[in-house]
Protein backbone atom coordinates (compact mmCIF):
# COMPACT_ATOMS: atom_id res chain seq x y z
CA UNK A 1 10.29 6.73 -0.90
CA UNK A 2 7.89 9.03 -2.80
CA UNK A 3 4.47 7.40 -3.24
CA UNK A 4 1.71 8.87 -5.39
CA UNK A 5 -1.81 7.51 -4.76
CA UNK A 6 -4.27 7.88 -7.62
CA UNK A 7 -8.03 7.33 -7.85
CA UNK A 8 -10.81 8.81 -9.96
CA UNK A 9 -11.62 12.10 -8.23
CA UNK A 10 -8.98 12.31 -5.48
CA UNK A 11 -11.71 12.68 -2.93
CA UNK A 12 -11.90 9.43 -0.91
CA UNK A 13 -9.55 6.55 -1.63
CA UNK A 14 -6.35 8.29 -2.67
CA UNK A 15 -6.82 11.15 -0.17
CA UNK A 16 -7.28 8.61 2.62
CA UNK A 17 -4.18 6.71 1.54
CA UNK A 18 -2.12 9.91 1.30
CA UNK A 19 -3.06 10.84 4.91
CA UNK A 20 -2.76 7.30 6.26
CA UNK A 21 0.73 6.61 5.00
CA UNK A 22 2.37 10.04 5.26
CA UNK A 23 4.45 8.92 8.25
CA UNK A 24 5.78 5.87 6.38
CA UNK A 25 6.43 7.49 2.97
CA UNK A 26 6.54 10.89 1.30
CA UNK A 27 3.01 10.90 -0.06
CA UNK A 28 0.87 12.81 -2.55
CA UNK A 29 -2.48 12.02 -4.12
CA UNK A 30 -4.18 12.85 -7.37
CA UNK A 31 -7.25 12.07 -9.43
CA UNK A 32 -7.68 11.16 -13.06
CA UNK A 33 -11.11 12.59 -13.77
CA UNK A 34 -11.32 15.74 -11.65
CA UNK A 35 -10.76 19.46 -12.28
CA UNK A 36 -7.01 19.15 -11.66
CA UNK A 37 -6.02 15.70 -12.94
CA UNK A 38 -2.66 14.07 -12.28
CA UNK A 39 0.22 15.73 -14.03
CA UNK A 40 3.43 14.64 -15.66
CA UNK A 41 5.47 16.29 -12.89
CA UNK A 42 3.53 14.42 -10.18
CA UNK A 43 4.29 11.12 -11.92
CA UNK A 44 7.96 12.05 -12.31
CA UNK A 45 8.16 12.90 -8.58
CA UNK A 46 6.92 9.47 -7.56
CA UNK A 47 9.10 6.43 -7.02
CA UNK A 48 5.98 4.30 -6.89
CA UNK A 49 2.51 5.06 -8.19
CA UNK A 50 -0.40 3.26 -6.56
CA UNK A 51 -3.76 3.22 -8.30
CA UNK A 52 -6.96 2.02 -6.70
CA UNK A 53 -8.31 0.11 -9.74
CA UNK A 54 -6.60 -1.56 -12.72
CA UNK A 55 -8.29 0.64 -15.36
CA UNK A 56 -6.57 3.63 -13.80
CA UNK A 57 -3.21 2.12 -14.65
CA UNK A 58 -4.38 1.84 -18.27
CA UNK A 59 -5.53 5.45 -18.25
CA UNK A 60 -2.11 6.58 -17.03
CA UNK A 61 -0.46 4.61 -19.83
CA UNK A 62 -2.60 6.43 -22.40
CA UNK A 63 -1.99 9.92 -20.98
CA UNK A 64 1.66 9.54 -20.04
CA UNK A 65 3.19 6.65 -21.99
CA UNK A 66 6.80 7.67 -21.32
CA UNK A 67 6.33 8.06 -17.57
CA UNK A 68 4.26 4.90 -17.45
CA UNK A 69 7.13 2.86 -18.81
CA UNK A 70 9.56 4.33 -16.27
CA UNK A 71 7.44 3.88 -13.12
CA UNK A 72 6.50 1.08 -10.79
CA UNK A 73 2.68 1.25 -10.88
CA UNK A 74 0.73 -0.99 -8.53
CA UNK A 75 -2.98 -1.55 -8.25
CA UNK A 76 -4.73 -2.09 -4.91
CA UNK A 77 -7.99 -3.24 -6.58
CA UNK A 78 -10.22 -1.17 -4.28
CA UNK A 79 -13.53 -0.20 -5.84
CA UNK A 80 -15.01 3.28 -5.60
CA UNK A 81 -17.54 2.61 -2.85
CA UNK A 82 -15.93 4.11 0.22
CA UNK A 83 -15.91 7.54 1.83
CA UNK A 84 -12.93 9.60 2.96
CA UNK A 85 -11.36 7.99 6.05
CA UNK A 86 -14.10 5.38 6.30
CA UNK A 87 -12.89 2.73 8.79
CA UNK A 88 -13.43 -0.14 6.29
CA UNK A 89 -11.35 1.71 3.71
CA UNK A 90 -8.57 2.32 6.20
CA UNK A 91 -8.47 -1.38 7.12
CA UNK A 92 -8.30 -2.44 3.47
CA UNK A 93 -5.60 0.11 2.66
CA UNK A 94 -3.47 -0.98 5.61
CA UNK A 95 -3.76 -4.62 4.68
CA UNK A 96 -2.98 -4.12 0.99
CA UNK A 97 -0.05 -1.78 1.60
CA UNK A 98 1.48 -4.16 4.14
CA UNK A 99 1.36 -6.91 1.51
CA UNK A 100 3.15 -4.72 -1.03
CA UNK A 101 5.84 -3.28 1.24
């Protein structure tokens, strides 16, 4: 399964998730508000898109309405207060992903 993790800058949450779950899924990560924001082709590649906060799902729907309607987009509801590979973030990601899959 191809899983695309998305957060604001693709620096901490989505990058950590991409690394953490790369042995379980085919993973990529992207940001919404960085120099190279998520693209249509990245969304098309993904079987499942996982955002870190609900407003990111809304932002995807505005930028890519067609892809939004065709994709399973899930929110983990993890606020932007963690650093890359921070142990607390890893624990939260593992718990939330195990609930979803």
